[in-house]
Amino acid sequence: MKVAVTSVGTDLDSMIDERFGRSSYFIIADTDSDEFEVFENEGLSSAHGTGVQVAQFIAEKGVQAIITGKIGPNAIKVLKESGIDVFIANSMTVRQALANFLEGKLEKISGATTGQHNK
């Protein structure tokens, strides 16, 4: 299973970036092979629509779940339409978030956790 995590850095010991659309990096981990890829958020400098652009990018990568701190209504709509589950985690490393995900300890959400224009 491919799981994406928003991250402030480029490795599993980096802290989660609590911002979905404005996350610095995305770490996509394959929970079956224990391998991961790191992607810089190329939409970070966009003025508008960043959350939607990022959600589309995540969907194109074949991700089945995303772990983040906060997510807006437009981004979560795109993720839900793509069949991607959204989980909330804060104040932990990417490695901890993935472990908690695999143990079923993260909260799955179905709606936005922040307003449309919050960063």
PDB file of N, CA and C in Angstrom:
ATOM      1  N   MET A   1       0.846  -1.180   0.000  1.00  0.00           N
ATOM      2  CA  MET A   1       0.000   0.000   0.000  1.00  0.00           C
ATOM      3  C   MET A   1       0.889   1.239   0.000  1.00  0.00           C
ATOM      4  N   LYS A   2       0.525   2.219  -0.823  1.00  0.00           N
ATOM      5  CA  LYS A   2       1.262   3.478  -0.858  1.00  0.00           C
ATOM      6  C   LYS A   2       0.587   4.497   0.062  1.00  0.00           C
ATOM      7  N   VAL A   3       1.386   5.040   0.985  1.00  0.00           N
ATOM      8  CA  VAL A   3       0.902   6.022   1.939  1.00  0.00           C
ATOM      9  C   VAL A   3       1.767   7.264   1.822  1.00  0.00           C
ATOM     10  N   ALA A   4       1.139   8.419   1.627  1.00  0.00           N
ATOM     11  CA  ALA A   4       1.868   9.691   1.557  1.00  0.00           C
ATOM     12  C   ALA A   4       1.782  10.391   2.906  1.00  0.00           C
ATOM     13  N   VAL A   5       2.887  11.057   3.272  1.00  0.00           N
ATOM     14  CA  VAL A   5       2.938  11.822   4.516  1.00  0.00           C
ATOM     15  C   VAL A   5       3.502  13.196   4.196  1.00  0.00           C
ATOM     16  N   THR A   6       2.839  14.243   4.673  1.00  0.00           N
ATOM     17  CA  THR A   6       3.389  15.593   4.507  1.00  0.00           C
ATOM     18  C   THR A   6       4.561  15.736   5.465  1.00  0.00           C
ATOM     19  N   SER A   7       5.646  16.358   4.989  1.00  0.00           N
ATOM     20  CA  SER A   7       6.876  16.393   5.781  1.00  0.00           C
ATOM     21  C   SER A   7       7.610  17.720   5.636  1.00  0.00           C
ATOM     22  N   VAL A   8       8.310  18.112   6.703  1.00  0.00           N
ATOM     23  CA  VAL A   8       9.144  19.319   6.647  1.00  0.00           C
ATOM     24  C   VAL A   8      10.528  18.994   6.098  1.00  0.00           C
ATOM     25  N   GLY A   9      10.879  17.712   6.025  1.00  0.00           N
ATOM     26  CA  GLY A   9      12.202  17.302   5.554  1.00  0.00           C
ATOM     27  C   GLY A   9      12.134  16.128   4.605  1.00  0.00           C
ATOM     28  N   THR A  10      13.313  15.571   4.315  1.00  0.00           N
ATOM     29  CA  THR A  10      13.422  14.578   3.252  1.00  0.00           C
ATOM     30  C   THR A  10      13.651  13.145   3.731  1.00  0.00           C
ATOM     31  N   ASP A  11      13.503  12.898   5.038  1.00  0.00           N
ATOM     32  CA  ASP A  11      13.696  11.528   5.507  1.00  0.00           C
ATOM     33  C   ASP A  11      12.619  11.154   6.520  1.00  0.00           C
ATOM     34  N   LEU A  12      12.604   9.886   6.907  1.00  0.00           N
ATOM     35  CA  LEU A  12      11.554   9.378   7.780  1.00  0.00           C
ATOM     36  C   LEU A  12      11.607   9.951   9.194  1.00  0.00           C
ATOM     37  N   ASP A  13      12.754  10.508   9.568  1.00  0.00           N
ATOM     38  CA  ASP A  13      12.877  11.107  10.898  1.00  0.00           C
ATOM     39  C   ASP A  13      12.542  12.595  10.900  1.00  0.00           C
ATOM     40  N   SER A  14      12.097  13.118   9.773  1.00  0.00           N
ATOM     41  CA  SER A  14      11.623  14.504   9.690  1.00  0.00           C
ATOM     42  C   SER A  14      10.262  14.604  10.355  1.00  0.00           C
ATOM     43  N   MET A  15       9.939  15.783  10.840  1.00  0.00           N
ATOM     44  CA  MET A  15       8.628  16.003  11.441  1.00  0.00           C
ATOM     45  C   MET A  15       7.571  16.123  10.353  1.00  0.00           C
ATOM     46  N   ILE A  16       6.360  15.740  10.711  1.00  0.00           N
ATOM     47  CA  ILE A  16       5.224  15.939   9.808  1.00  0.00           C
ATOM     48  C   ILE A  16       5.035  17.439   9.588  1.00  0.00           C
ATOM     49  N   ASP A  17       4.756  17.808   8.362  1.00  0.00           N
ATOM     50  CA  ASP A  17       4.352  19.184   8.060  1.00  0.00           C
ATOM     51  C   ASP A  17       2.843  19.202   8.222  1.00  0.00           C
ATOM     52  N   GLU A  18       2.361  20.034   9.105  1.00  0.00           N
ATOM     53  CA  GLU A  18       0.928  20.038   9.403  1.00  0.00           C
ATOM     54  C   GLU A  18       0.087  20.643   8.290  1.00  0.00           C
ATOM     55  N   ARG A  19       0.715  21.267   7.310  1.00  0.00           N
ATOM     56  CA  ARG A  19      -0.020  21.891   6.202  1.00  0.00           C
ATOM     57  C   ARG A  19      -0.023  20.951   5.008  1.00  0.00           C
ATOM     58  N   PHE A  20      -1.174  20.659   4.484  1.00  0.00           N
ATOM     59  CA  PHE A  20      -1.255  19.772   3.323  1.00  0.00           C
ATOM     60  C   PHE A  20      -0.754  20.467   2.060  1.00  0.00           C
ATOM     61  N   GLY A  21      -1.468  21.481   1.603  1.00  0.00           N
ATOM     62  CA  GLY A  21      -1.130  22.148   0.350  1.00  0.00           C
ATOM     63  C   GLY A  21       0.188  22.895   0.383  1.00  0.00           C
ATOM     64  N   ARG A  22       0.577  23.349   1.537  1.00  0.00           N
ATOM     65  CA  ARG A  22       1.822  24.124   1.690  1.00  0.00           C
ATOM     66  C   ARG A  22       2.944  23.306   2.323  1.00  0.00           C
ATOM     67  N   SER A  23       2.779  21.998   2.347  1.00  0.00           N
ATOM     68  CA  SER A  23       3.820  21.128   2.886  1.00  0.00           C
ATOM     69  C   SER A  23       5.105  21.292   2.074  1.00  0.00           C
ATOM     70  N   SER A  24       6.239  21.237   2.740  1.00  0.00           N
ATOM     71  CA  SER A  24       7.518  21.361   2.040  1.00  0.00           C
ATOM     72  C   SER A  24       7.799  20.143   1.161  1.00  0.00           C
ATOM     73  N   TYR A  25       7.516  18.955   1.719  1.00  0.00           N
ATOM     74  CA  TYR A  25       7.798  17.702   1.016  1.00  0.00           C
ATOM     75  C   TYR A  25       6.661  16.713   1.219  1.00  0.00           C
ATOM     76  N   PHE A  26       6.652  15.700   0.366  1.00  0.00           N
ATOM     77  CA  PHE A  26       5.748  14.572   0.498  1.00  0.00           C
ATOM     78  C   PHE A  26       6.597  13.318   0.452  1.00  0.00           C
ATOM     79  N   ILE A  27       6.461  12.502   1.472  1.00  0.00           N
ATOM     80  CA  ILE A  27       7.157  11.224   1.495  1.00  0.00           C
ATOM     81  C   ILE A  27       6.107  10.158   1.210  1.00  0.00           C
ATOM     82  N   ILE A  28       6.345   9.411   0.135  1.00  0.00           N
ATOM     83  CA  ILE A  28       5.418   8.345  -0.246  1.00  0.00           C
ATOM     84  C   ILE A  28       6.088   7.015   0.088  1.00  0.00           C
ATOM     85  N   ALA A  29       5.501   6.337   1.058  1.00  0.00           N
ATOM     86  CA  ALA A  29       6.063   5.075   1.536  1.00  0.00           C
ATOM     87  C   ALA A  29       5.241   3.911   1.007  1.00  0.00           C
ATOM     88  N   ASP A  30       5.932   2.852   0.624  1.00  0.00           N
ATOM     89  CA  ASP A  30       5.278   1.604   0.236  1.00  0.00           C
ATOM     90  C   ASP A  30       5.339   0.691   1.456  1.00  0.00           C
ATOM     91  N   THR A  31       4.207   0.473   2.097  1.00  0.00           N
ATOM     92  CA  THR A  31       4.200  -0.294   3.342  1.00  0.00           C
ATOM     93  C   THR A  31       4.487  -1.780   3.116  1.00  0.00           C
ATOM     94  N   ASP A  32       4.406  -2.244   1.881  1.00  0.00           N
ATOM     95  CA  ASP A  32       4.702  -3.646   1.583  1.00  0.00           C
ATOM     96  C   ASP A  32       6.198  -3.889   1.428  1.00  0.00           C
ATOM     97  N   SER A  33       6.911  -2.911   0.847  1.00  0.00           N
ATOM     98  CA  SER A  33       8.338  -3.092   0.582  1.00  0.00           C
ATOM     99  C   SER A  33       9.239  -2.296   1.522  1.00  0.00           C
ATOM    100  N   ASP A  34       8.661  -1.432   2.349  1.00  0.00           N
ATOM    101  CA  ASP A  34       9.414  -0.549   3.255  1.00  0.00           C
ATOM    102  C   ASP A  34      10.313   0.438   2.510  1.00  0.00           C
ATOM    103  N   GLU A  35      10.021   0.694   1.253  1.00  0.00           N
ATOM    104  CA  GLU A  35      10.756   1.697   0.483  1.00  0.00           C
ATOM    105  C   GLU A  35       9.952   2.984   0.475  1.00  0.00           C
ATOM    106  N   PHE A  36      10.656   4.116   0.249  1.00  0.00           N
ATOM    107  CA  PHE A  36       9.948   5.385   0.167  1.00  0.00           C
ATOM    108  C   PHE A  36      10.605   6.311  -0.838  1.00  0.00           C
ATOM    109  N   GLU A  37       9.799   7.243  -1.347  1.00  0.00           N
ATOM    110  CA  GLU A  37      10.260   8.271  -2.263  1.00  0.00           C
ATOM    111  C   GLU A  37       9.930   9.624  -1.656  1.00  0.00           C
ATOM    112  N   VAL A  38      10.770  10.616  -1.956  1.00  0.00           N
ATOM    113  CA  VAL A  38      10.549  11.970  -1.447  1.00  0.00           C
ATOM    114  C   VAL A  38      10.313  12.895  -2.631  1.00  0.00           C
ATOM    115  N   PHE A  39       9.289  13.734  -2.502  1.00  0.00           N
ATOM    116  CA  PHE A  39       8.964  14.697  -3.545  1.00  0.00           C
ATOM    117  C   PHE A  39       8.875  16.086  -2.933  1.00  0.00           C
ATOM    118  N   GLU A  40       9.556  17.040  -3.539  1.00  0.00           N
ATOM    119  CA  GLU A  40       9.432  18.422  -3.115  1.00  0.00           C
ATOM    120  C   GLU A  40       8.097  18.957  -3.624  1.00  0.00           C
ATOM    121  N   ASN A  41       7.457  19.789  -2.849  1.00  0.00           N
ATOM    122  CA  ASN A  41       6.173  20.371  -3.244  1.00  0.00           C
ATOM    123  C   ASN A  41       6.422  21.469  -4.268  1.00  0.00           C
ATOM    124  N   GLU A  42       6.224  21.147  -5.526  1.00  0.00           N
ATOM    125  CA  GLU A  42       6.465  22.108  -6.602  1.00  0.00           C
ATOM    126  C   GLU A  42       5.400  23.190  -6.664  1.00  0.00           C
ATOM    127  N   GLY A  43       4.260  22.972  -6.028  1.00  0.00           N
ATOM    128  CA  GLY A  43       3.192  23.967  -6.014  1.00  0.00           C
ATOM    129  C   GLY A  43       3.269  24.924  -4.842  1.00  0.00           C
ATOM    130  N   LEU A  44       4.349  24.842  -4.078  1.00  0.00           N
ATOM    131  CA  LEU A  44       4.482  25.638  -2.860  1.00  0.00           C
ATOM    132  C   LEU A  44       4.378  27.136  -3.105  1.00  0.00           C
ATOM    133  N   SER A  45       4.850  27.594  -4.249  1.00  0.00           N
ATOM    134  CA  SER A  45       4.850  29.033  -4.525  1.00  0.00           C
ATOM    135  C   SER A  45       3.584  29.510  -5.240  1.00  0.00           C
ATOM    136  N   SER A  46       2.667  28.589  -5.538  1.00  0.00           N
ATOM    137  CA  SER A  46       1.418  28.978  -6.202  1.00  0.00           C
ATOM    138  C   SER A  46       0.584  29.861  -5.291  1.00  0.00           C
ATOM    139  N   ALA A  47      -0.058  30.839  -5.877  1.00  0.00           N
ATOM    140  CA  ALA A  47      -0.883  31.758  -5.093  1.00  0.00           C
ATOM    141  C   ALA A  47      -2.216  31.127  -4.707  1.00  0.00           C
ATOM    142  N   HIS A  48      -2.813  30.367  -5.602  1.00  0.00           N
ATOM    143  CA  HIS A  48      -4.136  29.798  -5.363  1.00  0.00           C
ATOM    144  C   HIS A  48      -4.205  28.368  -5.876  1.00  0.00           C
ATOM    145  N   GLY A  49      -5.080  27.576  -5.298  1.00  0.00           N
ATOM    146  CA  GLY A  49      -5.331  26.226  -5.785  1.00  0.00           C
ATOM    147  C   GLY A  49      -4.274  25.209  -5.441  1.00  0.00           C
ATOM    148  N   THR A  50      -3.395  25.532  -4.503  1.00  0.00           N
ATOM    149  CA  THR A  50      -2.299  24.629  -4.181  1.00  0.00           C
ATOM    150  C   THR A  50      -2.797  23.295  -3.646  1.00  0.00           C
ATOM    151  N   GLY A  51      -3.775  23.316  -2.754  1.00  0.00           N
ATOM    152  CA  GLY A  51      -4.287  22.073  -2.182  1.00  0.00           C
ATOM    153  C   GLY A  51      -4.827  21.130  -3.233  1.00  0.00           C
ATOM    154  N   VAL A  52      -5.553  21.669  -4.186  1.00  0.00           N
ATOM    155  CA  VAL A  52      -6.104  20.853  -5.272  1.00  0.00           C
ATOM    156  C   VAL A  52      -4.978  20.295  -6.140  1.00  0.00           C
ATOM    157  N   GLN A  53      -3.989  21.129  -6.475  1.00  0.00           N
ATOM    158  CA  GLN A  53      -2.856  20.668  -7.276  1.00  0.00           C
ATOM    159  C   GLN A  53      -2.112  19.539  -6.577  1.00  0.00           C
ATOM    160  N   VAL A  54      -1.886  19.703  -5.288  1.00  0.00           N
ATOM    161  CA  VAL A  54      -1.184  18.681  -4.515  1.00  0.00           C
ATOM    162  C   VAL A  54      -2.013  17.406  -4.445  1.00  0.00           C
ATOM    163  N   ALA A  55      -3.306  17.522  -4.225  1.00  0.00           N
ATOM    164  CA  ALA A  55      -4.187  16.345  -4.175  1.00  0.00           C
ATOM    165  C   ALA A  55      -4.145  15.586  -5.502  1.00  0.00           C
ATOM    166  N   GLN A  56      -4.137  16.306  -6.604  1.00  0.00           N
ATOM    167  CA  GLN A  56      -4.056  15.663  -7.915  1.00  0.00           C
ATOM    168  C   GLN A  56      -2.716  14.952  -8.095  1.00  0.00           C
ATOM    169  N   PHE A  57      -1.637  15.584  -7.636  1.00  0.00           N
ATOM    170  CA  PHE A  57      -0.302  14.980  -7.699  1.00  0.00           C
ATOM    171  C   PHE A  57      -0.273  13.675  -6.895  1.00  0.00           C
ATOM    172  N   ILE A  58      -0.812  13.721  -5.681  1.00  0.00           N
ATOM    173  CA  ILE A  58      -0.846  12.538  -4.812  1.00  0.00           C
ATOM    174  C   ILE A  58      -1.637  11.422  -5.491  1.00  0.00           C
ATOM    175  N   ALA A  59      -2.775  11.754  -6.076  1.00  0.00           N
ATOM    176  CA  ALA A  59      -3.608  10.753  -6.759  1.00  0.00           C
ATOM    177  C   ALA A  59      -2.855  10.124  -7.933  1.00  0.00           C
ATOM    178  N   GLU A  60      -2.121  10.938  -8.686  1.00  0.00           N
ATOM    179  CA  GLU A  60      -1.362  10.441  -9.838  1.00  0.00           C
ATOM    180  C   GLU A  60      -0.264   9.463  -9.426  1.00  0.00           C
ATOM    181  N   LYS A  61       0.199   9.556  -8.187  1.00  0.00           N
ATOM    182  CA  LYS A  61       1.266   8.680  -7.693  1.00  0.00           C
ATOM    183  C   LYS A  61       0.728   7.336  -7.197  1.00  0.00           C
ATOM    184  N   GLY A  62      -0.591   7.143  -7.276  1.00  0.00           N
ATOM    185  CA  GLY A  62      -1.170   5.866  -6.880  1.00  0.00           C
ATOM    186  C   GLY A  62      -1.274   5.669  -5.376  1.00  0.00           C
ATOM    187  N   VAL A  63      -1.314   6.763  -4.647  1.00  0.00           N
ATOM    188  CA  VAL A  63      -1.394   6.708  -3.192  1.00  0.00           C
ATOM    189  C   VAL A  63      -2.802   6.278  -2.770  1.00  0.00           C
ATOM    190  N   GLN A  64      -2.876   5.471  -1.710  1.00  0.00           N
ATOM    191  CA  GLN A  64      -4.171   5.018  -1.204  1.00  0.00           C
ATOM    192  C   GLN A  64      -4.569   5.699   0.099  1.00  0.00           C
ATOM    193  N   ALA A  65      -3.584   6.325   0.786  1.00  0.00           N
ATOM    194  CA  ALA A  65      -3.872   7.043   2.029  1.00  0.00           C
ATOM    195  C   ALA A  65      -2.870   8.177   2.184  1.00  0.00           C
ATOM    196  N   ILE A  66      -3.304   9.261   2.825  1.00  0.00           N
ATOM    197  CA  ILE A  66      -2.427  10.398   3.116  1.00  0.00           C
ATOM    198  C   ILE A  66      -2.515  10.702   4.605  1.00  0.00           C
ATOM    199  N   ILE A  67      -1.367  11.043   5.172  1.00  0.00           N
ATOM    200  CA  ILE A  67      -1.303  11.466   6.566  1.00  0.00           C
ATOM    201  C   ILE A  67      -0.820  12.903   6.579  1.00  0.00           C
ATOM    202  N   THR A  68      -1.579  13.782   7.227  1.00  0.00           N
ATOM    203  CA  THR A  68      -1.244  15.198   7.288  1.00  0.00           C
ATOM    204  C   THR A  68      -1.807  15.790   8.573  1.00  0.00           C
ATOM    205  N   GLY A  69      -1.518  17.058   8.814  1.00  0.00           N
ATOM    206  CA  GLY A  69      -2.018  17.714  10.012  1.00  0.00           C
ATOM    207  C   GLY A  69      -3.330  18.434   9.797  1.00  0.00           C
ATOM    208  N   LYS A  70      -3.419  19.173   8.691  1.00  0.00           N
ATOM    209  CA  LYS A  70      -4.610  19.950   8.375  1.00  0.00           C
ATOM    210  C   LYS A  70      -4.841  19.887   6.871  1.00  0.00           C
ATOM    211  N   ILE A  71      -6.111  19.947   6.485  1.00  0.00           N
ATOM    212  CA  ILE A  71      -6.432  19.889   5.059  1.00  0.00           C
ATOM    213  C   ILE A  71      -7.704  20.683   4.795  1.00  0.00           C
ATOM    214  N   GLY A  72      -7.720  21.385   3.680  1.00  0.00           N
ATOM    215  CA  GLY A  72      -8.862  22.222   3.325  1.00  0.00           C
ATOM    216  C   GLY A  72      -9.926  21.474   2.544  1.00  0.00           C
ATOM    217  N   PRO A  73     -11.073  22.125   2.348  1.00  0.00           N
ATOM    218  CA  PRO A  73     -12.222  21.471   1.721  1.00  0.00           C
ATOM    219  C   PRO A  73     -12.012  21.075   0.266  1.00  0.00           C
ATOM    220  N   ASN A  74     -11.340  21.903  -0.508  1.00  0.00           N
ATOM    221  CA  ASN A  74     -11.150  21.575  -1.926  1.00  0.00           C
ATOM    222  C   ASN A  74     -10.206  20.397  -2.102  1.00  0.00           C
ATOM    223  N   ALA A  75      -9.130  20.378  -1.316  1.00  0.00           N
ATOM    224  CA  ALA A  75      -8.167  19.282  -1.408  1.00  0.00           C
ATOM    225  C   ALA A  75      -8.791  17.964  -0.976  1.00  0.00           C
ATOM    226  N   ILE A  76      -9.528  17.982   0.121  1.00  0.00           N
ATOM    227  CA  ILE A  76     -10.111  16.719   0.595  1.00  0.00           C
ATOM    228  C   ILE A  76     -11.156  16.201  -0.388  1.00  0.00           C
ATOM    229  N   LYS A  77     -11.842  17.095  -1.062  1.00  0.00           N
ATOM    230  CA  LYS A  77     -12.822  16.677  -2.071  1.00  0.00           C
ATOM    231  C   LYS A  77     -12.130  15.911  -3.198  1.00  0.00           C
ATOM    232  N   VAL A  78     -11.008  16.434  -3.691  1.00  0.00           N
ATOM    233  CA  VAL A  78     -10.262  15.762  -4.762  1.00  0.00           C
ATOM    234  C   VAL A  78      -9.745  14.410  -4.286  1.00  0.00           C
ATOM    235  N   LEU A  79      -9.221  14.359  -3.067  1.00  0.00           N
ATOM    236  CA  LEU A  79      -8.705  13.099  -2.542  1.00  0.00           C
ATOM    237  C   LEU A  79      -9.818  12.064  -2.397  1.00  0.00           C
ATOM    238  N   LYS A  80     -10.956  12.475  -1.859  1.00  0.00           N
ATOM    239  CA  LYS A  80     -12.083  11.557  -1.693  1.00  0.00           C
ATOM    240  C   LYS A  80     -12.566  11.037  -3.040  1.00  0.00           C
ATOM    241  N   GLU A  81     -12.650  11.924  -4.039  1.00  0.00           N
ATOM    242  CA  GLU A  81     -13.072  11.513  -5.381  1.00  0.00           C
ATOM    243  C   GLU A  81     -12.087  10.530  -6.001  1.00  0.00           C
ATOM    244  N   SER A  82     -10.836  10.593  -5.565  1.00  0.00           N
ATOM    245  CA  SER A  82      -9.798   9.688  -6.065  1.00  0.00           C
ATOM    246  C   SER A  82      -9.696   8.410  -5.243  1.00  0.00           C
ATOM    247  N   GLY A  83     -10.535   8.280  -4.211  1.00  0.00           N
ATOM    248  CA  GLY A  83     -10.531   7.079  -3.379  1.00  0.00           C
ATOM    249  C   GLY A  83      -9.396   7.028  -2.375  1.00  0.00           C
ATOM    250  N   ILE A  84      -8.853   8.180  -2.019  1.00  0.00           N
ATOM    251  CA  ILE A  84      -7.734   8.241  -1.080  1.00  0.00           C
ATOM    252  C   ILE A  84      -8.255   8.588   0.313  1.00  0.00           C
ATOM    253  N   ASP A  85      -7.900   7.763   1.296  1.00  0.00           N
ATOM    254  CA  ASP A  85      -8.291   8.011   2.679  1.00  0.00           C
ATOM    255  C   ASP A  85      -7.353   9.040   3.301  1.00  0.00           C
ATOM    256  N   VAL A  86      -7.888   9.892   4.176  1.00  0.00           N
ATOM    257  CA  VAL A  86      -7.113  10.955   4.811  1.00  0.00           C
ATOM    258  C   VAL A  86      -7.075  10.710   6.316  1.00  0.00           C
ATOM    259  N   PHE A  87      -5.863  10.732   6.866  1.00  0.00           N
ATOM    260  CA  PHE A  87      -5.641  10.522   8.293  1.00  0.00           C
ATOM    261  C   PHE A  87      -4.918  11.728   8.876  1.00  0.00           C
ATOM    262  N   ILE A  88      -5.224  12.039  10.135  1.00  0.00           N
ATOM    263  CA  ILE A  88      -4.648  13.202  10.806  1.00  0.00           C
ATOM    264  C   ILE A  88      -3.584  12.761  11.811  1.00  0.00           C
ATOM    265  N   ALA A  89      -2.451  13.462  11.776  1.00  0.00           N
ATOM    266  CA  ALA A  89      -1.379  13.247  12.754  1.00  0.00           C
ATOM    267  C   ALA A  89      -0.657  14.575  12.937  1.00  0.00           C
ATOM    268  N   ASN A  90      -0.218  14.847  14.155  1.00  0.00           N
ATOM    269  CA  ASN A  90       0.506  16.079  14.456  1.00  0.00           C
ATOM    270  C   ASN A  90       1.629  15.784  15.438  1.00  0.00           C
ATOM    271  N   SER A  91       2.634  16.654  15.424  1.00  0.00           N
ATOM    272  CA  SER A  91       3.719  16.618  16.418  1.00  0.00           C
ATOM    273  C   SER A  91       4.397  15.257  16.528  1.00  0.00           C
ATOM    274  N   MET A  92       4.721  14.674  15.381  1.00  0.00           N
ATOM    275  CA  MET A  92       5.464  13.415  15.365  1.00  0.00           C
ATOM    276  C   MET A  92       6.270  13.333  14.077  1.00  0.00           C
ATOM    277  N   THR A  93       7.195  12.400  14.035  1.00  0.00           N
ATOM    278  CA  THR A  93       7.983  12.213  12.826  1.00  0.00           C
ATOM    279  C   THR A  93       7.177  11.423  11.801  1.00  0.00           C
ATOM    280  N   VAL A  94       7.664  11.444  10.582  1.00  0.00           N
ATOM    281  CA  VAL A  94       7.039  10.657   9.514  1.00  0.00           C
ATOM    282  C   VAL A  94       7.063   9.177   9.894  1.00  0.00           C
ATOM    283  N   ARG A  95       8.189   8.723  10.427  1.00  0.00           N
ATOM    284  CA  ARG A  95       8.330   7.323  10.838  1.00  0.00           C
ATOM    285  C   ARG A  95       7.273   6.951  11.893  1.00  0.00           C
ATOM    286  N   GLN A  96       7.089   7.834  12.888  1.00  0.00           N
ATOM    287  CA  GLN A  96       6.087   7.583  13.924  1.00  0.00           C
ATOM    288  C   GLN A  96       4.677   7.572  13.339  1.00  0.00           C
ATOM    289  N   ALA A  97       4.422   8.497  12.425  1.00  0.00           N
ATOM    290  CA  ALA A  97       3.095   8.565  11.800  1.00  0.00           C
ATOM    291  C   ALA A  97       2.798   7.286  11.023  1.00  0.00           C
ATOM    292  N   LEU A  98       3.775   6.796  10.286  1.00  0.00           N
ATOM    293  CA  LEU A  98       3.575   5.563   9.524  1.00  0.00           C
ATOM    294  C   LEU A  98       3.347   4.375  10.458  1.00  0.00           C
ATOM    295  N   ALA A  99       4.101   4.303  11.545  1.00  0.00           N
ATOM    296  CA  ALA A  99       3.924   3.221  12.511  1.00  0.00           C
ATOM    297  C   ALA A  99       2.527   3.293  13.131  1.00  0.00           C
ATOM    298  N   ASN A 100       2.100   4.494  13.518  1.00  0.00           N
ATOM    299  CA  ASN A 100       0.763   4.661  14.090  1.00  0.00           C
ATOM    300  C   ASN A 100      -0.321   4.306  13.079  1.00  0.00           C
ATOM    301  N   PHE A 101      -0.100   4.660  11.823  1.00  0.00           N
ATOM    302  CA  PHE A 101      -1.051   4.312  10.757  1.00  0.00           C
ATOM    303  C   PHE A 101      -1.192   2.792  10.653  1.00  0.00           C
ATOM    304  N   LEU A 102      -0.063   2.106  10.595  1.00  0.00           N
ATOM    305  CA  LEU A 102      -0.083   0.653  10.445  1.00  0.00           C
ATOM    306  C   LEU A 102      -0.721  -0.039  11.656  1.00  0.00           C
ATOM    307  N   GLU A 103      -0.637   0.595  12.823  1.00  0.00           N
ATOM    308  CA  GLU A 103      -1.235   0.041  14.039  1.00  0.00           C
ATOM    309  C   GLU A 103      -2.693   0.481  14.215  1.00  0.00           C
ATOM    310  N   GLY A 104      -3.219   1.265  13.267  1.00  0.00           N
ATOM    311  CA  GLY A 104      -4.601   1.706  13.333  1.00  0.00           C
ATOM    312  C   GLY A 104      -4.865   2.776  14.377  1.00  0.00           C
ATOM    313  N   LYS A 105      -3.845   3.547  14.727  1.00  0.00           N
ATOM    314  CA  LYS A 105      -3.960   4.542  15.801  1.00  0.00           C
ATOM    315  C   LYS A 105      -4.250   5.963  15.317  1.00  0.00           C
ATOM    316  N   LEU A 106      -4.327   6.189  14.009  1.00  0.00           N
ATOM    317  CA  LEU A 106      -4.591   7.535  13.499  1.00  0.00           C
ATOM    318  C   LEU A 106      -6.068   7.713  13.185  1.00  0.00           C
ATOM    319  N   GLU A 107      -6.532   8.940  13.357  1.00  0.00           N
ATOM    320  CA  GLU A 107      -7.929   9.261  13.079  1.00  0.00           C
ATOM    321  C   GLU A 107      -8.141   9.467  11.584  1.00  0.00           C
ATOM    322  N   LYS A 108      -9.088   8.727  11.023  1.00  0.00           N
ATOM    323  CA  LYS A 108      -9.480   8.902   9.622  1.00  0.00           C
ATOM    324  C   LYS A 108     -10.560   9.971   9.588  1.00  0.00           C
ATOM    325  N   ILE A 109     -10.402  10.926   8.676  1.00  0.00           N
ATOM    326  CA  ILE A 109     -11.381  12.010   8.588  1.00  0.00           C
ATOM    327  C   ILE A 109     -12.085  11.982   7.241  1.00  0.00           C
ATOM    328  N   SER A 110     -13.243  12.617   7.198  1.00  0.00           N
ATOM    329  CA  SER A 110     -13.997  12.662   5.950  1.00  0.00           C
ATOM    330  C   SER A 110     -14.277  14.088   5.501  1.00  0.00           C
ATOM    331  N   GLY A 111     -13.867  15.073   6.316  1.00  0.00           N
ATOM    332  CA  GLY A 111     -14.108  16.467   5.968  1.00  0.00           C
ATOM    333  C   GLY A 111     -12.892  17.328   6.257  1.00  0.00           C
ATOM    334  N   ALA A 112     -12.965  18.561   5.828  1.00  0.00           N
ATOM    335  CA  ALA A 112     -11.853  19.504   6.000  1.00  0.00           C
ATOM    336  C   ALA A 112     -11.600  19.783   7.469  1.00  0.00           C
ATOM    337  N   THR A 113     -10.341  20.071   7.777  1.00  0.00           N
ATOM    338  CA  THR A 113      -9.967  20.445   9.146  1.00  0.00           C
ATOM    339  C   THR A 113      -9.578  21.899   9.248  1.00  0.00           C
ATOM    340  N   THR A 114      -9.601  22.593   8.119  1.00  0.00           N
ATOM    341  CA  THR A 114      -9.237  23.994   8.090  1.00  0.00           C
ATOM    342  C   THR A 114     -10.040  24.681   6.993  1.00  0.00           C
ATOM    343  N   GLY A 115     -10.125  26.000   7.057  1.00  0.00           N
ATOM    344  CA  GLY A 115     -10.838  26.763   6.030  1.00  0.00           C
ATOM    345  C   GLY A 115     -10.074  26.785   4.727  1.00  0.00           C
ATOM    346  N   GLN A 116     -10.729  27.269   3.707  1.00  0.00           N
ATOM    347  CA  GLN A 116     -10.177  27.241   2.357  1.00  0.00           C
ATOM    348  C   GLN A 116      -8.889  28.036   2.210  1.00  0.00           C
ATOM    349  N   HIS A 117      -8.750  29.147   2.896  1.00  0.00           N
ATOM    350  CA  HIS A 117      -7.598  30.017   2.661  1.00  0.00           C
ATOM    351  C   HIS A 117      -6.600  30.011   3.796  1.00  0.00           C
ATOM    352  N   ASN A 118      -6.704  29.100   4.737  1.00  0.00           N
ATOM    353  CA  ASN A 118      -5.717  29.009   5.806  1.00  0.00           C
ATOM    354  C   ASN A 118      -4.471  28.331   5.280  1.00  0.00           C
ATOM    355  N   LYS A 119      -3.325  28.721   5.823  1.00  0.00           N
ATOM    356  CA  LYS A 119      -2.063  28.128   5.372  1.00  0.00           C
ATOM    357  C   LYS A 119      -1.372  27.424   6.510  1.00  0.00           C
TER     358      LYS A 119
END
